[in-house]
Amino acid sequence: MDFPPNQGLDQDEVNDQVDDVIENNDVVLFMKGTALMPQCGYSRKALGLIDSHREEYETVDVLESLDEYRAALERHSGWETIPQTFVDGEFVGGSDVLEELEERDELAETLNAE
């Protein structure tokens, strides 16, 4: 069985979507998979850490167009790796950074948790 190469969205569509989601959401997690079905351990870890402090936040599954999302996100963060978390339009980091913030009891404040 042949699997076709990534046949997702074009780069301009992804750039526009990333710009819009970051601009219009207090907290957004770009991850592999969905909130109900994370597709990598790092995304699962980031999701769990954010879940422990916030009920409402946006998630974006990057797997449909992984290469395009990496390029679009790198414009905002300087990073290619996924997951990536943004708060109030600012890049916070991946699961490792979220974990460090949690260990220092700074994650709730970073996420503007109520």
N, C-alpha and C. Protein backbone atom coordinates (compact mmCIF):
# COMPACT_ATOMS: atom_id res chain seq x y z
N MET A 1 0.85 -1.18 0.00
CA MET A 1 0.00 0.00 0.00
C MET A 1 0.89 1.23 0.00
N ASP A 2 0.59 2.15 -0.90
CA ASP A 2 1.35 3.39 -0.98
C ASP A 2 0.64 4.48 -0.20
N PHE A 3 1.43 5.23 0.55
CA PHE A 3 0.90 6.39 1.26
C PHE A 3 1.40 7.63 0.54
N PRO A 4 0.48 8.46 0.06
CA PRO A 4 0.93 9.66 -0.67
C PRO A 4 1.63 10.62 0.27
N PRO A 5 2.52 11.44 -0.26
CA PRO A 5 3.18 12.43 0.59
C PRO A 5 2.15 13.42 1.14
N ASN A 6 2.57 14.18 2.09
CA ASN A 6 1.72 15.19 2.73
C ASN A 6 0.89 15.92 1.68
N GLN A 7 -0.43 15.79 1.80
CA GLN A 7 -1.31 16.45 0.84
C GLN A 7 -2.23 17.43 1.56
N GLY A 8 -1.69 18.13 2.48
CA GLY A 8 -2.48 19.05 3.28
C GLY A 8 -2.67 20.39 2.62
N LEU A 9 -2.64 21.40 3.43
CA LEU A 9 -2.91 22.77 3.02
C LEU A 9 -1.68 23.40 2.39
N ASP A 10 -1.88 24.45 1.60
CA ASP A 10 -0.72 25.13 1.05
C ASP A 10 -0.13 26.09 2.10
N GLN A 11 1.08 26.51 1.90
CA GLN A 11 1.81 27.28 2.89
C GLN A 11 1.11 28.59 3.26
N ASP A 12 0.56 29.28 2.27
CA ASP A 12 -0.13 30.55 2.57
C ASP A 12 -1.35 30.34 3.46
N GLU A 13 -2.11 29.25 3.20
CA GLU A 13 -3.27 28.94 4.05
C GLU A 13 -2.84 28.69 5.49
N VAL A 14 -1.78 27.90 5.65
CA VAL A 14 -1.30 27.57 6.99
C VAL A 14 -0.76 28.82 7.68
N ASN A 15 0.00 29.65 6.96
CA ASN A 15 0.51 30.89 7.55
C ASN A 15 -0.64 31.75 8.06
N ASP A 16 -1.68 31.90 7.25
CA ASP A 16 -2.83 32.71 7.65
C ASP A 16 -3.54 32.11 8.85
N GLN A 17 -3.71 30.79 8.86
CA GLN A 17 -4.40 30.15 9.97
C GLN A 17 -3.59 30.31 11.26
N VAL A 18 -2.29 30.09 11.20
CA VAL A 18 -1.44 30.23 12.39
C VAL A 18 -1.49 31.66 12.91
N ASP A 19 -1.35 32.63 12.02
CA ASP A 19 -1.43 34.04 12.42
C ASP A 19 -2.75 34.33 13.13
N ASP A 20 -3.85 33.86 12.54
CA ASP A 20 -5.18 34.12 13.07
C ASP A 20 -5.39 33.45 14.44
N VAL A 21 -5.01 32.21 14.56
CA VAL A 21 -5.22 31.47 15.81
C VAL A 21 -4.39 32.08 16.93
N ILE A 22 -3.15 32.44 16.66
CA ILE A 22 -2.30 33.04 17.69
C ILE A 22 -2.87 34.39 18.11
N GLU A 23 -3.32 35.17 17.14
CA GLU A 23 -3.82 36.51 17.43
C GLU A 23 -5.16 36.51 18.18
N ASN A 24 -6.00 35.51 17.92
CA ASN A 24 -7.37 35.54 18.43
C ASN A 24 -7.66 34.59 19.59
N ASN A 25 -6.63 34.02 20.20
CA ASN A 25 -6.84 33.12 21.34
C ASN A 25 -5.87 33.47 22.46
N ASP A 26 -6.37 33.44 23.69
CA ASP A 26 -5.52 33.72 24.84
C ASP A 26 -4.41 32.69 24.95
N VAL A 27 -4.78 31.42 24.82
CA VAL A 27 -3.81 30.32 24.90
C VAL A 27 -4.08 29.37 23.75
N VAL A 28 -3.03 29.01 23.04
CA VAL A 28 -3.17 28.04 21.94
C VAL A 28 -2.01 27.06 21.98
N LEU A 29 -2.35 25.79 21.78
CA LEU A 29 -1.37 24.72 21.73
C LEU A 29 -1.40 24.11 20.34
N PHE A 30 -0.30 24.22 19.62
CA PHE A 30 -0.13 23.55 18.34
C PHE A 30 0.46 22.19 18.67
N MET A 31 -0.24 21.13 18.29
CA MET A 31 0.15 19.80 18.74
C MET A 31 -0.05 18.77 17.64
N LYS A 32 0.53 17.60 17.84
CA LYS A 32 0.31 16.47 16.95
C LYS A 32 -0.88 15.69 17.49
N GLY A 33 -1.97 15.71 16.73
CA GLY A 33 -3.19 15.06 17.16
C GLY A 33 -4.17 16.07 17.72
N THR A 34 -5.19 15.54 18.36
CA THR A 34 -6.25 16.38 18.92
C THR A 34 -6.25 16.29 20.44
N ALA A 35 -7.04 17.15 21.06
CA ALA A 35 -7.15 17.12 22.52
C ALA A 35 -7.68 15.77 22.98
N LEU A 36 -8.55 15.15 22.21
CA LEU A 36 -9.08 13.83 22.57
C LEU A 36 -8.14 12.69 22.21
N MET A 37 -7.28 12.91 21.22
CA MET A 37 -6.38 11.87 20.77
C MET A 37 -5.01 12.42 20.41
N PRO A 38 -4.20 12.81 21.41
CA PRO A 38 -2.85 13.27 21.10
C PRO A 38 -2.07 12.15 20.41
N GLN A 39 -1.23 12.53 19.44
CA GLN A 39 -0.50 11.53 18.66
C GLN A 39 0.99 11.47 18.97
N CYS A 40 1.42 12.16 20.01
CA CYS A 40 2.81 12.00 20.45
C CYS A 40 2.89 12.30 21.95
N GLY A 41 3.87 11.74 22.59
CA GLY A 41 4.01 11.90 24.04
C GLY A 41 4.24 13.34 24.46
N TYR A 42 4.98 14.10 23.68
CA TYR A 42 5.24 15.50 24.03
C TYR A 42 3.96 16.32 23.95
N SER A 43 3.16 16.07 22.92
CA SER A 43 1.88 16.77 22.80
C SER A 43 0.96 16.38 23.96
N ARG A 44 0.94 15.10 24.31
CA ARG A 44 0.11 14.62 25.43
C ARG A 44 0.54 15.31 26.73
N LYS A 45 1.86 15.42 26.93
CA LYS A 45 2.37 16.05 28.15
C LYS A 45 1.97 17.53 28.21
N ALA A 46 2.15 18.25 27.09
CA ALA A 46 1.79 19.67 27.05
C ALA A 46 0.30 19.86 27.31
N LEU A 47 -0.51 19.02 26.71
CA LEU A 47 -1.96 19.07 26.88
C LEU A 47 -2.34 18.87 28.35
N GLY A 48 -1.73 17.88 29.00
CA GLY A 48 -2.01 17.62 30.40
C GLY A 48 -1.61 18.77 31.30
N LEU A 49 -0.48 19.37 31.03
CA LEU A 49 -0.01 20.50 31.84
C LEU A 49 -0.95 21.70 31.70
N ILE A 50 -1.35 22.00 30.48
CA ILE A 50 -2.26 23.13 30.28
C ILE A 50 -3.62 22.80 30.89
N ASP A 51 -4.10 21.58 30.69
CA ASP A 51 -5.39 21.15 31.26
C ASP A 51 -5.44 21.31 32.77
N SER A 52 -4.32 21.15 33.43
CA SER A 52 -4.31 21.24 34.89
C SER A 52 -4.52 22.66 35.40
N HIS A 53 -4.44 23.65 34.50
CA HIS A 53 -4.58 25.05 34.91
C HIS A 53 -5.66 25.83 34.17
N ARG A 54 -6.08 25.34 33.01
CA ARG A 54 -7.07 26.08 32.20
C ARG A 54 -8.13 25.13 31.67
N GLU A 55 -9.36 25.61 31.65
CA GLU A 55 -10.44 24.84 31.03
C GLU A 55 -10.58 25.21 29.56
N GLU A 56 -10.37 26.48 29.25
CA GLU A 56 -10.58 26.94 27.88
C GLU A 56 -9.27 27.39 27.23
N TYR A 57 -8.97 26.76 26.13
CA TYR A 57 -7.84 27.13 25.29
C TYR A 57 -8.01 26.44 23.96
N GLU A 58 -7.30 26.90 22.98
CA GLU A 58 -7.42 26.37 21.62
C GLU A 58 -6.31 25.36 21.36
N THR A 59 -6.65 24.29 20.64
CA THR A 59 -5.62 23.37 20.16
C THR A 59 -5.71 23.30 18.64
N VAL A 60 -4.57 23.09 18.00
CA VAL A 60 -4.51 22.96 16.55
C VAL A 60 -3.71 21.70 16.23
N ASP A 61 -4.33 20.79 15.50
CA ASP A 61 -3.68 19.57 15.06
C ASP A 61 -2.84 19.89 13.82
N VAL A 62 -1.54 19.73 13.92
CA VAL A 62 -0.64 20.10 12.83
C VAL A 62 -0.37 18.97 11.85
N LEU A 63 -0.89 17.78 12.14
CA LEU A 63 -0.53 16.61 11.34
C LEU A 63 -1.03 16.68 9.90
N GLU A 64 -2.10 17.41 9.63
CA GLU A 64 -2.63 17.51 8.27
C GLU A 64 -1.60 18.11 7.31
N SER A 65 -0.80 19.04 7.82
CA SER A 65 0.20 19.72 6.99
C SER A 65 1.44 20.01 7.83
N LEU A 66 2.07 18.98 8.32
CA LEU A 66 3.15 19.12 9.30
C LEU A 66 4.27 20.05 8.83
N ASP A 67 4.76 19.86 7.62
CA ASP A 67 5.88 20.69 7.14
C ASP A 67 5.48 22.16 7.06
N GLU A 68 4.25 22.41 6.58
CA GLU A 68 3.78 23.78 6.46
C GLU A 68 3.58 24.43 7.84
N TYR A 69 3.05 23.66 8.79
CA TYR A 69 2.89 24.20 10.15
C TYR A 69 4.24 24.50 10.78
N ARG A 70 5.20 23.61 10.58
CA ARG A 70 6.54 23.87 11.13
C ARG A 70 7.10 25.19 10.59
N ALA A 71 6.97 25.40 9.30
CA ALA A 71 7.48 26.63 8.69
C ALA A 71 6.73 27.85 9.22
N ALA A 72 5.40 27.75 9.31
CA ALA A 72 4.59 28.88 9.79
C ALA A 72 4.90 29.19 11.25
N LEU A 73 5.03 28.17 12.07
CA LEU A 73 5.31 28.39 13.49
C LEU A 73 6.71 28.94 13.71
N GLU A 74 7.66 28.51 12.90
CA GLU A 74 9.03 29.01 13.04
C GLU A 74 9.08 30.52 12.84
N ARG A 75 8.20 31.07 12.01
CA ARG A 75 8.14 32.52 11.81
C ARG A 75 7.79 33.23 13.13
N HIS A 76 7.01 32.58 13.99
CA HIS A 76 6.58 33.19 15.26
C HIS A 76 7.51 32.87 16.42
N SER A 77 8.11 31.69 16.40
CA SER A 77 8.83 31.21 17.58
C SER A 77 10.32 31.01 17.38
N GLY A 78 10.74 30.83 16.13
CA GLY A 78 12.13 30.46 15.89
C GLY A 78 12.37 28.98 16.10
N TRP A 79 11.33 28.23 16.42
CA TRP A 79 11.43 26.78 16.66
C TRP A 79 10.68 26.03 15.58
N GLU A 80 11.18 24.84 15.24
CA GLU A 80 10.48 23.95 14.31
C GLU A 80 9.74 22.84 15.05
N THR A 81 10.12 22.57 16.29
CA THR A 81 9.57 21.42 16.99
C THR A 81 8.11 21.66 17.40
N ILE A 82 7.40 20.56 17.53
CA ILE A 82 6.00 20.55 17.93
C ILE A 82 5.94 19.67 19.19
N PRO A 83 5.21 20.02 20.21
CA PRO A 83 4.20 21.06 20.33
C PRO A 83 4.79 22.44 20.62
N GLN A 84 3.95 23.45 20.39
CA GLN A 84 4.31 24.83 20.72
C GLN A 84 3.11 25.49 21.37
N THR A 85 3.38 26.23 22.45
CA THR A 85 2.34 26.93 23.19
C THR A 85 2.55 28.43 23.08
N PHE A 86 1.44 29.14 22.82
CA PHE A 86 1.45 30.60 22.75
C PHE A 86 0.42 31.12 23.75
N VAL A 87 0.80 32.18 24.47
CA VAL A 87 -0.10 32.84 25.41
C VAL A 87 -0.12 34.32 25.06
N ASP A 88 -1.32 34.85 24.85
CA ASP A 88 -1.49 36.25 24.48
C ASP A 88 -0.57 36.65 23.32
N GLY A 89 -0.47 35.76 22.33
CA GLY A 89 0.31 36.04 21.14
C GLY A 89 1.80 35.83 21.27
N GLU A 90 2.27 35.48 22.47
CA GLU A 90 3.70 35.29 22.70
C GLU A 90 4.04 33.80 22.81
N PHE A 91 5.14 33.41 22.20
CA PHE A 91 5.61 32.03 22.29
C PHE A 91 6.10 31.73 23.70
N VAL A 92 5.59 30.64 24.28
CA VAL A 92 6.04 30.21 25.61
C VAL A 92 7.04 29.08 25.49
N GLY A 93 6.70 28.05 24.72
CA GLY A 93 7.62 26.93 24.55
C GLY A 93 6.88 25.64 24.29
N GLY A 94 7.64 24.56 24.32
CA GLY A 94 7.09 23.23 24.14
C GLY A 94 6.81 22.58 25.47
N SER A 95 6.63 21.26 25.45
CA SER A 95 6.27 20.55 26.68
C SER A 95 7.37 20.65 27.73
N ASP A 96 8.63 20.69 27.31
CA ASP A 96 9.73 20.78 28.27
C ASP A 96 9.70 22.10 29.03
N VAL A 97 9.41 23.18 28.33
CA VAL A 97 9.34 24.50 28.97
C VAL A 97 8.13 24.55 29.90
N LEU A 98 6.98 24.02 29.45
CA LEU A 98 5.80 23.98 30.31
C LEU A 98 6.08 23.19 31.57
N GLU A 99 6.79 22.08 31.43
CA GLU A 99 7.12 21.25 32.59
C GLU A 99 8.03 22.02 33.56
N GLU A 100 9.02 22.75 33.04
CA GLU A 100 9.90 23.55 33.90
C GLU A 100 9.11 24.63 34.63
N LEU A 101 8.19 25.29 33.93
CA LEU A 101 7.36 26.31 34.56
C LEU A 101 6.49 25.70 35.66
N GLU A 102 5.97 24.51 35.43
CA GLU A 102 5.15 23.82 36.43
C GLU A 102 5.99 23.49 37.67
N GLU A 103 7.20 23.01 37.45
CA GLU A 103 8.09 22.67 38.57
C GLU A 103 8.41 23.89 39.41
N ARG A 104 8.44 25.07 38.79
CA ARG A 104 8.74 26.31 39.51
C ARG A 104 7.46 27.01 39.98
N ASP A 105 6.32 26.33 39.85
CA ASP A 105 5.02 26.89 40.23
C ASP A 105 4.72 28.20 39.50
N GLU A 106 5.13 28.29 38.24
CA GLU A 106 4.90 29.49 37.44
C GLU A 106 3.96 29.26 36.26
N LEU A 107 3.56 28.00 36.05
CA LEU A 107 2.76 27.71 34.87
C LEU A 107 1.38 28.34 34.94
N ALA A 108 0.70 28.26 36.07
CA ALA A 108 -0.65 28.84 36.18
C ALA A 108 -0.61 30.33 35.85
N GLU A 109 0.37 31.04 36.38
CA GLU A 109 0.48 32.47 36.11
C GLU A 109 0.80 32.72 34.62
N THR A 110 1.70 31.91 34.06
CA THR A 110 2.05 32.06 32.65
C THR A 110 0.84 31.86 31.75
N LEU A 111 -0.02 30.91 32.12
CA LEU A 111 -1.20 30.61 31.33
C LEU A 111 -2.39 31.51 31.65
N ASN A 112 -2.16 32.50 32.51
CA ASN A 112 -3.23 33.39 32.93
C ASN A 112 -4.43 32.63 33.47
N ALA A 113 -4.15 31.58 34.24
CA ALA A 113 -5.22 30.75 34.79
C ALA A 113 -6.02 31.55 35.81
N GLU A 114 -7.30 31.26 35.86
CA GLU A 114 -8.18 31.97 36.79
C GLU A 114 -8.00 31.44 38.19
